[in-house]
């Protein structure tokens, strides 16, 4: 029987760690839309949900540096319809420079 990626121990651990860190750090609003987050109820538009900064389907990992907390509504809007990865304003920019000696 095949298990969904969200049912794996790795994903559950990543999810719980991300939620705990955000709550302990006092994150109260979604960084994308500004909605006030709730950590006490799930499956509501303003429920706090972990989001992969780089989508798992595009090589993202279940690591703390690839997690952020956003509202359920933003998470569903962002994740369900992403056909290709495009960095957004909340992902740190990286640069590569070729140096020839």
N, C-alpha and C. Protein backbone atom coordinates (compact mmCIF):
# COMPACT_ATOMS: atom_id res chain seq x y z
N UNK A 1 0.84 -1.18 0.00
CA UNK A 1 0.00 0.00 0.00
C UNK A 1 0.89 1.24 0.00
N UNK A 2 0.60 2.15 -0.89
CA UNK A 2 1.38 3.37 -1.02
C UNK A 2 0.89 4.41 -0.02
N UNK A 3 1.83 5.06 0.63
CA UNK A 3 1.52 6.11 1.59
C UNK A 3 1.73 7.46 0.93
N UNK A 4 0.84 8.40 1.18
CA UNK A 4 1.03 9.74 0.65
C UNK A 4 2.23 10.38 1.34
N UNK A 5 2.84 11.34 0.70
CA UNK A 5 4.02 11.99 1.26
C UNK A 5 3.69 12.67 2.57
N UNK A 6 2.46 13.17 2.73
CA UNK A 6 2.10 13.85 3.97
C UNK A 6 1.86 12.88 5.13
N UNK A 7 1.79 11.60 4.82
CA UNK A 7 1.59 10.60 5.87
C UNK A 7 2.88 10.00 6.38
N UNK A 8 4.01 10.42 5.83
CA UNK A 8 5.29 9.85 6.25
C UNK A 8 5.74 10.45 7.58
N UNK A 9 6.55 9.70 8.29
CA UNK A 9 7.09 10.18 9.58
C UNK A 9 7.91 11.45 9.37
N UNK A 10 8.67 11.51 8.29
CA UNK A 10 9.50 12.68 8.00
C UNK A 10 8.63 13.94 7.85
N UNK A 11 7.54 13.82 7.12
CA UNK A 11 6.66 14.98 6.91
C UNK A 11 5.96 15.38 8.21
N UNK A 12 5.48 14.42 8.96
CA UNK A 12 4.81 14.75 10.23
C UNK A 12 5.76 15.45 11.20
N UNK A 13 7.00 14.98 11.26
CA UNK A 13 8.00 15.59 12.14
C UNK A 13 8.30 17.02 11.68
N UNK A 14 8.48 17.21 10.37
CA UNK A 14 8.73 18.53 9.79
C UNK A 14 7.58 19.48 10.11
N UNK A 15 6.36 19.00 9.92
CA UNK A 15 5.16 19.80 10.16
C UNK A 15 5.07 20.25 11.62
N UNK A 16 5.22 19.31 12.53
CA UNK A 16 5.12 19.64 13.96
C UNK A 16 6.23 20.59 14.39
N UNK A 17 7.44 20.37 13.90
CA UNK A 17 8.57 21.25 14.24
C UNK A 17 8.31 22.67 13.75
N UNK A 18 7.85 22.80 12.51
CA UNK A 18 7.60 24.13 11.93
C UNK A 18 6.50 24.87 12.71
N UNK A 19 5.43 24.17 13.03
CA UNK A 19 4.33 24.80 13.78
C UNK A 19 4.78 25.22 15.18
N UNK A 20 5.51 24.34 15.85
CA UNK A 20 5.99 24.64 17.21
C UNK A 20 6.92 25.84 17.21
N UNK A 21 7.86 25.88 16.26
CA UNK A 21 8.81 27.00 16.18
C UNK A 21 8.08 28.32 15.92
N UNK A 22 7.15 28.32 14.98
CA UNK A 22 6.43 29.55 14.66
C UNK A 22 5.61 30.04 15.84
N UNK A 23 4.95 29.12 16.51
CA UNK A 23 4.14 29.49 17.67
C UNK A 23 5.03 30.02 18.79
N UNK A 24 6.14 29.34 19.06
CA UNK A 24 7.07 29.77 20.11
C UNK A 24 7.72 31.11 19.79
N UNK A 25 7.91 31.40 18.49
CA UNK A 25 8.51 32.67 18.07
C UNK A 25 7.49 33.80 17.99
N UNK A 26 6.23 33.49 18.27
CA UNK A 26 5.20 34.53 18.30
C UNK A 26 4.65 34.94 16.96
N UNK A 27 4.75 34.07 15.94
CA UNK A 27 4.20 34.42 14.64
C UNK A 27 2.67 34.41 14.74
N UNK A 28 2.05 35.54 14.48
CA UNK A 28 0.60 35.65 14.62
C UNK A 28 -0.12 35.93 13.31
N UNK A 29 0.62 36.28 12.26
CA UNK A 29 -0.02 36.62 10.99
C UNK A 29 0.66 35.90 9.82
N UNK A 30 -0.13 35.64 8.78
CA UNK A 30 0.39 35.03 7.55
C UNK A 30 1.28 36.06 6.85
N UNK A 31 2.51 35.68 6.50
CA UNK A 31 3.41 36.64 5.84
C UNK A 31 2.99 36.96 4.40
N UNK A 32 2.09 36.17 3.82
CA UNK A 32 1.67 36.42 2.45
C UNK A 32 0.48 37.37 2.35
N UNK A 33 -0.52 37.18 3.23
CA UNK A 33 -1.74 37.99 3.12
C UNK A 33 -2.07 38.81 4.36
N UNK A 34 -1.37 38.56 5.47
CA UNK A 34 -1.60 39.32 6.68
C UNK A 34 -2.72 38.82 7.58
N UNK A 35 -3.36 37.71 7.21
CA UNK A 35 -4.44 37.15 8.02
C UNK A 35 -3.91 36.72 9.38
N UNK A 36 -4.70 36.98 10.43
CA UNK A 36 -4.32 36.52 11.77
C UNK A 36 -4.44 35.00 11.81
N UNK A 37 -3.36 34.33 12.24
CA UNK A 37 -3.32 32.87 12.27
C UNK A 37 -3.90 32.32 13.56
N UNK A 38 -4.47 31.12 13.46
CA UNK A 38 -4.89 30.39 14.64
C UNK A 38 -4.15 29.06 14.67
N UNK A 39 -3.63 28.72 15.83
CA UNK A 39 -2.92 27.45 16.01
C UNK A 39 -3.80 26.43 16.72
N UNK A 40 -5.00 26.83 17.14
CA UNK A 40 -5.84 25.95 17.94
C UNK A 40 -6.87 25.18 17.13
N UNK A 41 -7.17 25.62 15.93
CA UNK A 41 -8.11 24.91 15.07
C UNK A 41 -7.44 24.58 13.75
N UNK A 42 -7.86 23.49 13.14
CA UNK A 42 -7.30 23.11 11.85
C UNK A 42 -8.40 23.15 10.80
N UNK A 43 -7.97 23.14 9.57
CA UNK A 43 -8.87 23.11 8.42
C UNK A 43 -9.81 24.32 8.32
N UNK A 44 -9.37 25.44 8.87
CA UNK A 44 -10.09 26.70 8.74
C UNK A 44 -9.25 27.62 7.84
N UNK A 45 -9.86 28.58 7.15
CA UNK A 45 -9.09 29.45 6.26
C UNK A 45 -7.89 30.13 6.93
N UNK A 46 -8.00 30.44 8.23
CA UNK A 46 -6.89 31.12 8.90
C UNK A 46 -6.05 30.19 9.78
N UNK A 47 -6.21 28.89 9.62
CA UNK A 47 -5.39 27.93 10.37
C UNK A 47 -3.94 28.03 9.92
N UNK A 48 -3.02 27.97 10.88
CA UNK A 48 -1.60 27.99 10.56
C UNK A 48 -1.20 26.66 9.95
N UNK A 49 -0.52 26.71 8.81
CA UNK A 49 -0.05 25.50 8.14
C UNK A 49 1.38 25.69 7.67
N UNK A 50 2.19 24.64 7.81
CA UNK A 50 3.55 24.70 7.27
C UNK A 50 3.51 24.67 5.75
N UNK A 51 4.41 25.39 5.15
CA UNK A 51 4.52 25.45 3.70
C UNK A 51 5.97 25.20 3.32
N UNK A 52 6.18 24.41 2.27
CA UNK A 52 7.53 24.22 1.73
C UNK A 52 7.86 25.46 0.91
N UNK A 53 8.94 26.15 1.24
CA UNK A 53 9.36 27.32 0.47
C UNK A 53 9.67 26.88 -0.96
N UNK A 54 10.50 25.85 -1.11
CA UNK A 54 10.69 25.20 -2.39
C UNK A 54 9.79 23.98 -2.37
N UNK A 55 8.79 23.92 -3.24
CA UNK A 55 7.83 22.82 -3.19
C UNK A 55 8.51 21.45 -3.21
N UNK A 56 7.95 20.54 -2.43
CA UNK A 56 8.46 19.18 -2.36
C UNK A 56 8.50 18.55 -3.76
N UNK A 57 7.50 18.83 -4.56
CA UNK A 57 7.42 18.29 -5.91
C UNK A 57 8.52 18.81 -6.83
N UNK A 58 9.16 19.90 -6.41
CA UNK A 58 10.24 20.49 -7.21
C UNK A 58 11.59 20.36 -6.54
N UNK A 59 11.73 19.33 -5.70
CA UNK A 59 13.01 19.06 -5.06
C UNK A 59 13.17 19.62 -3.67
N UNK A 60 12.14 20.27 -3.13
CA UNK A 60 12.21 20.79 -1.77
C UNK A 60 12.28 19.66 -0.76
N UNK A 61 12.81 19.95 0.40
CA UNK A 61 13.02 18.93 1.42
C UNK A 61 12.20 19.23 2.67
N UNK A 62 12.05 18.21 3.50
CA UNK A 62 11.39 18.36 4.80
C UNK A 62 12.42 18.77 5.84
N UNK A 63 12.99 19.96 5.67
CA UNK A 63 13.99 20.47 6.60
C UNK A 63 13.51 21.82 7.13
N UNK A 64 13.97 22.20 8.33
CA UNK A 64 13.52 23.47 8.91
C UNK A 64 13.79 24.69 8.02
N UNK A 65 14.88 24.68 7.27
CA UNK A 65 15.19 25.84 6.43
C UNK A 65 14.31 25.93 5.18
N UNK A 66 13.49 24.92 4.94
CA UNK A 66 12.57 24.94 3.80
C UNK A 66 11.13 25.04 4.30
N UNK A 67 10.93 25.61 5.47
CA UNK A 67 9.59 25.70 6.04
C UNK A 67 9.25 27.14 6.40
N UNK A 68 8.01 27.47 6.25
CA UNK A 68 7.46 28.72 6.75
C UNK A 68 6.00 28.44 7.08
N UNK A 69 5.42 29.26 7.94
CA UNK A 69 4.03 29.08 8.32
C UNK A 69 3.21 30.15 7.62
N UNK A 70 2.18 29.69 6.91
CA UNK A 70 1.24 30.59 6.25
C UNK A 70 -0.17 30.11 6.57
N UNK A 71 -1.17 30.89 6.21
CA UNK A 71 -2.55 30.48 6.48
C UNK A 71 -2.96 29.38 5.51
N UNK A 72 -3.94 28.60 5.91
CA UNK A 72 -4.42 27.48 5.09
C UNK A 72 -4.86 27.96 3.71
N UNK A 73 -5.54 29.10 3.66
CA UNK A 73 -6.03 29.60 2.38
C UNK A 73 -4.87 29.88 1.41
N UNK A 74 -3.82 30.53 1.89
CA UNK A 74 -2.65 30.81 1.04
C UNK A 74 -1.94 29.51 0.67
N UNK A 75 -1.84 28.58 1.61
CA UNK A 75 -1.16 27.32 1.35
C UNK A 75 -1.89 26.53 0.26
N UNK A 76 -3.20 26.48 0.32
CA UNK A 76 -3.95 25.76 -0.69
C UNK A 76 -3.87 26.46 -2.04
N UNK A 77 -3.97 27.76 -2.03
CA UNK A 77 -3.89 28.53 -3.28
C UNK A 77 -2.52 28.36 -3.93
N UNK A 78 -1.48 28.38 -3.11
CA UNK A 78 -0.11 28.29 -3.62
C UNK A 78 0.24 26.88 -4.06
N UNK A 79 -0.12 25.88 -3.27
CA UNK A 79 0.34 24.53 -3.53
C UNK A 79 -0.42 23.76 -4.58
N UNK A 80 -1.72 23.89 -4.60
CA UNK A 80 -2.53 23.06 -5.48
C UNK A 80 -2.36 23.41 -6.95
N UNK A 81 -2.02 24.63 -7.25
CA UNK A 81 -1.99 25.05 -8.65
C UNK A 81 -0.60 25.40 -9.16
N UNK A 82 0.43 25.03 -8.40
CA UNK A 82 1.79 25.33 -8.83
C UNK A 82 2.21 24.31 -9.87
N UNK A 83 2.44 24.76 -11.10
CA UNK A 83 2.87 23.85 -12.14
C UNK A 83 4.38 23.87 -12.32
N UNK A 84 4.98 24.97 -12.00
CA UNK A 84 6.44 25.04 -12.01
C UNK A 84 6.87 26.00 -10.91
N UNK A 85 8.06 25.79 -10.42
CA UNK A 85 8.53 26.58 -9.29
C UNK A 85 9.03 27.94 -9.74
N UNK A 86 8.48 28.97 -9.14
CA UNK A 86 8.99 30.32 -9.33
C UNK A 86 9.24 30.90 -7.95
N UNK A 87 10.46 31.32 -7.67
CA UNK A 87 10.76 31.87 -6.35
C UNK A 87 9.85 33.06 -6.04
N UNK A 88 9.46 33.18 -4.80
CA UNK A 88 8.64 34.32 -4.44
C UNK A 88 9.41 35.23 -3.50
N UNK A 89 8.78 36.32 -3.10
CA UNK A 89 9.48 37.33 -2.31
C UNK A 89 9.87 36.86 -0.92
N UNK A 90 9.34 35.72 -0.47
CA UNK A 90 9.65 35.23 0.87
C UNK A 90 10.79 34.22 0.87
N UNK A 91 11.30 33.89 -0.30
CA UNK A 91 12.42 32.96 -0.39
C UNK A 91 13.70 33.76 -0.58
N UNK A 92 14.71 33.48 0.24
CA UNK A 92 15.97 34.21 0.10
C UNK A 92 16.56 34.04 -1.30
N UNK A 93 17.05 35.12 -1.85
CA UNK A 93 17.67 35.06 -3.16
C UNK A 93 19.07 34.46 -3.05
N UNK A 94 19.45 33.68 -4.04
CA UNK A 94 20.80 33.13 -4.08
C UNK A 94 21.43 33.57 -5.39
N UNK A 95 22.72 33.77 -5.34
CA UNK A 95 23.43 34.16 -6.54
C UNK A 95 24.61 33.23 -6.75
N UNK A 96 24.96 33.07 -8.00
CA UNK A 96 26.12 32.26 -8.36
C UNK A 96 27.01 33.11 -9.25
N UNK A 97 28.27 33.13 -8.94
CA UNK A 97 29.23 33.91 -9.72
C UNK A 97 30.35 32.99 -10.17
N UNK A 98 30.64 33.01 -11.45
CA UNK A 98 31.72 32.22 -12.00
C UNK A 98 32.97 33.08 -12.01
N UNK A 99 34.02 32.60 -11.36
CA UNK A 99 35.28 33.34 -11.31
C UNK A 99 36.33 32.51 -12.05
N UNK A 100 36.94 33.11 -13.04
CA UNK A 100 37.99 32.44 -13.79
C UNK A 100 39.33 33.04 -13.39
N UNK A 101 40.26 32.20 -13.00
CA UNK A 101 41.57 32.67 -12.56
C UNK A 101 42.57 32.56 -13.67
